[in-house]
Amino acid sequence: MSEFKNMKSLVIYFSRADENYAVGYVNKGNTEYIAEYVRDIVGADLFKVEPLIPYSKEYNKCIEEAKQRVGNAPIKNKINDISQYEVIYIMTPVYWGSFAPEIETAIKDLDFTGKIVRIVTTHEGSGLANVVEDIKKICPGATILNDNMAIKGTECVNSRNKIENWL
């Protein structure tokens, strides 16, 4: 286990159930499994980013809706203060080479000064895409580590050991 295990941690994540690419209809989104594994392993707090207006249950309709929300994706609840945390895990599916639009809404006004940020993406072939670079742009003052992780959506449910090794 790394030096991060004993640090106060927060997972900020977006995850969507219903029809997902390559896995079909699911009751829990792929990224949520990863967030819960990190919570269980390092004792992190969780903050699930939820859209104010739910997405369609159908994958193709959902991605069209998400395209319309880039730069303006209202969310149900916002976290306003991350000062008590040392490590922030940001987790998102890859949407068009970047993070889910709601992630930007959730993190863009937070003070990341002195925070360690670790990023996890879920995908079906995009890897980390541009997520790390895009998060760097909206998290000034953060130390974004180079050990970020990308996990195929079809592997998320069974990735606990992979997460333990990463942590």
Protein backbone atom coordinates (compact mmCIF):
# COMPACT_ATOMS: atom_id res chain seq x y z
CA MET A 1 0.00 0.00 0.00
CA SER A 2 1.32 3.42 -0.87
CA GLU A 3 1.88 6.46 1.29
CA PHE A 4 -1.63 7.67 0.37
CA LYS A 5 -3.40 5.11 2.56
CA ASN A 6 -3.09 7.23 5.70
CA MET A 7 -3.93 10.53 4.06
CA LYS A 8 -7.40 12.09 4.31
CA SER A 9 -8.93 11.38 0.90
CA LEU A 10 -11.97 12.30 -1.16
CA VAL A 11 -13.24 10.62 -4.31
CA ILE A 12 -15.14 12.92 -6.66
CA TYR A 13 -16.72 10.80 -9.35
CA PHE A 14 -19.32 10.66 -12.09
CA SER A 15 -20.89 7.34 -12.97
CA ARG A 16 -23.97 6.44 -14.95
CA ALA A 17 -26.09 3.29 -14.73
CA ASP A 18 -28.60 2.19 -17.41
CA GLU A 19 -27.28 1.32 -20.87
CA ASN A 20 -23.49 1.61 -21.00
CA TYR A 21 -21.19 1.11 -23.95
CA ALA A 22 -19.97 -2.49 -24.28
CA VAL A 23 -21.58 -3.70 -21.04
CA GLY A 24 -25.29 -3.24 -21.79
CA TYR A 25 -27.80 -2.25 -19.12
CA VAL A 26 -26.35 -2.00 -15.63
CA ASN A 27 -27.75 -1.06 -12.23
CA LYS A 28 -24.54 0.67 -11.23
CA GLY A 29 -22.14 2.57 -13.47
CA ASN A 30 -18.61 1.31 -14.09
CA THR A 31 -16.89 4.26 -12.41
CA GLU A 32 -18.93 3.80 -9.24
CA TYR A 33 -17.35 0.37 -8.69
CA ILE A 34 -13.90 1.95 -8.82
CA ALA A 35 -14.91 4.77 -6.45
CA GLU A 36 -16.23 2.25 -3.94
CA TYR A 37 -13.06 0.15 -4.14
CA VAL A 38 -10.94 3.21 -3.35
CA ARG A 39 -13.29 4.13 -0.49
CA ASP A 40 -13.02 0.64 0.95
CA ILE A 41 -9.24 0.37 0.57
CA VAL A 42 -8.09 3.81 1.79
CA GLY A 43 -11.14 4.98 3.75
CA ALA A 44 -11.87 7.85 1.37
CA ASP A 45 -15.04 9.89 1.50
CA LEU A 46 -17.21 9.74 -1.64
CA PHE A 47 -18.87 12.53 -3.55
CA LYS A 48 -20.98 11.31 -6.45
CA VAL A 49 -21.54 13.98 -9.08
CA GLU A 50 -25.11 13.69 -10.35
CA PRO A 51 -26.65 15.62 -13.22
CA LEU A 52 -29.50 17.96 -12.32
CA ILE A 53 -31.41 16.65 -15.33
CA PRO A 54 -31.06 12.86 -15.61
CA TYR A 55 -29.71 11.43 -18.83
CA SER A 56 -31.70 9.11 -21.05
CA LYS A 57 -31.46 5.45 -20.10
CA GLU A 58 -30.45 4.66 -23.69
CA TYR A 59 -26.73 5.02 -24.42
CA ASN A 60 -26.94 6.76 -27.83
CA LYS A 61 -29.49 9.30 -26.57
CA CYS A 62 -27.39 9.88 -23.46
CA ILE A 63 -24.24 10.73 -25.40
CA GLU A 64 -26.17 13.18 -27.57
CA GLU A 65 -27.58 14.84 -24.44
CA ALA A 66 -24.12 15.00 -22.88
CA LYS A 67 -22.70 16.76 -25.96
CA GLN A 68 -25.21 19.54 -25.34
CA ARG A 69 -24.05 19.94 -21.73
CA VAL A 70 -20.33 20.48 -22.38
CA GLY A 71 -19.43 23.74 -20.64
CA ASN A 72 -22.84 23.94 -18.96
CA ALA A 73 -23.71 20.78 -17.05
CA PRO A 74 -25.76 21.61 -13.95
CA ILE A 75 -25.48 19.15 -11.07
CA LYS A 76 -27.78 18.26 -8.14
CA ASN A 77 -25.30 18.98 -5.37
CA LYS A 78 -21.95 20.70 -5.22
CA ILE A 79 -19.06 20.24 -2.86
CA ASN A 80 -17.83 23.65 -1.80
CA ASP A 81 -14.86 22.93 0.44
CA ILE A 82 -12.11 20.33 0.06
CA SER A 83 -9.74 21.93 2.57
CA GLN A 84 -9.83 18.94 4.96
CA TYR A 85 -8.54 16.55 2.28
CA GLU A 86 -4.95 15.86 1.26
CA VAL A 87 -5.65 13.55 -1.69
CA ILE A 88 -8.45 14.02 -4.20
CA TYR A 89 -9.31 11.17 -6.56
CA ILE A 90 -11.18 12.36 -9.64
CA MET A 91 -12.94 9.56 -11.52
CA THR A 92 -14.87 9.78 -14.75
CA PRO A 93 -15.85 7.89 -17.84
CA VAL A 94 -14.20 9.22 -21.00
CA TYR A 95 -16.62 11.28 -23.11
CA TRP A 96 -15.26 12.41 -26.50
CA GLY A 97 -11.68 12.32 -25.29
CA SER A 98 -12.27 14.11 -21.99
CA PHE A 99 -14.19 13.92 -18.71
CA ALA A 100 -17.97 13.82 -18.28
CA PRO A 101 -19.27 17.43 -18.45
CA GLU A 102 -20.58 17.27 -14.88
CA ILE A 103 -17.07 16.70 -13.53
CA GLU A 104 -16.05 20.18 -14.70
CA THR A 105 -19.07 21.71 -12.95
CA ALA A 106 -18.18 19.85 -9.74
CA ILE A 107 -14.49 20.79 -9.56
CA LYS A 108 -13.93 24.04 -11.47
CA ASP A 109 -14.41 26.40 -8.50
CA LEU A 110 -12.65 24.33 -5.83
CA ASP A 111 -9.34 25.37 -4.29
CA PHE A 112 -6.86 22.64 -5.18
CA THR A 113 -3.84 24.47 -3.78
CA GLY A 114 -1.54 21.92 -2.16
CA LYS A 115 -3.80 18.95 -2.99
CA ILE A 116 -2.56 15.71 -4.51
CA VAL A 117 -4.84 14.67 -7.38
CA ARG A 118 -5.03 11.15 -8.76
CA ILE A 119 -7.18 10.46 -11.80
CA VAL A 120 -9.03 7.34 -12.91
CA THR A 121 -10.91 6.98 -16.18
CA THR A 122 -13.23 4.24 -17.31
CA HIS A 123 -13.36 3.63 -21.03
CA GLU A 124 -13.64 1.10 -23.84
CA GLY A 125 -10.48 1.98 -25.72
CA SER A 126 -9.72 5.65 -24.99
CA GLY A 127 -7.44 5.10 -22.02
CA LEU A 128 -6.84 8.38 -20.20
CA ALA A 129 -7.48 10.31 -23.45
CA ASN A 130 -7.11 14.07 -22.68
CA VAL A 131 -8.59 13.81 -19.20
CA VAL A 132 -5.37 14.47 -17.27
CA GLU A 133 -4.46 17.54 -19.34
CA ASP A 134 -8.02 18.88 -19.14
CA ILE A 135 -8.19 18.43 -15.36
CA LYS A 136 -4.84 20.21 -14.98
CA LYS A 137 -6.41 23.27 -16.66
CA ILE A 138 -9.22 23.51 -14.11
CA CYS A 139 -7.32 22.52 -10.95
CA PRO A 140 -4.61 25.16 -10.53
CA GLY A 141 -2.40 24.59 -7.53
CA ALA A 142 -2.90 20.82 -7.54
CA THR A 143 -0.11 18.29 -7.77
CA ILE A 144 -1.45 15.90 -10.37
CA LEU A 145 0.48 12.67 -10.19
CA ASN A 146 1.73 10.80 -13.25
CA ASP A 147 0.46 7.39 -12.08
CA ASN A 148 -3.12 7.92 -13.20
CA MET A 149 -5.15 4.87 -14.16
CA ALA A 150 -7.44 3.92 -17.04
CA ILE A 151 -9.70 0.87 -16.67
CA LYS A 152 -11.84 -0.66 -19.38
CA GLY A 153 -15.50 -0.47 -18.45
CA THR A 154 -15.93 -4.18 -19.07
CA GLU A 155 -13.24 -4.84 -16.40
CA CYS A 156 -14.43 -2.46 -13.66
CA VAL A 157 -16.55 -4.91 -11.68
CA ASN A 158 -13.59 -7.25 -11.27
CA SER A 159 -10.83 -4.66 -10.83
CA ARG A 160 -10.46 -4.48 -7.04
CA ASN A 161 -7.02 -6.16 -7.09
CA LYS A 162 -5.87 -3.78 -9.82
CA ILE A 163 -6.99 -0.83 -7.68
CA GLU A 164 -5.27 -2.24 -4.58
CA ASN A 165 -2.01 -2.57 -6.51
CA TRP A 166 -2.35 1.00 -7.85
CA LEU A 167 -3.05 2.46 -4.43
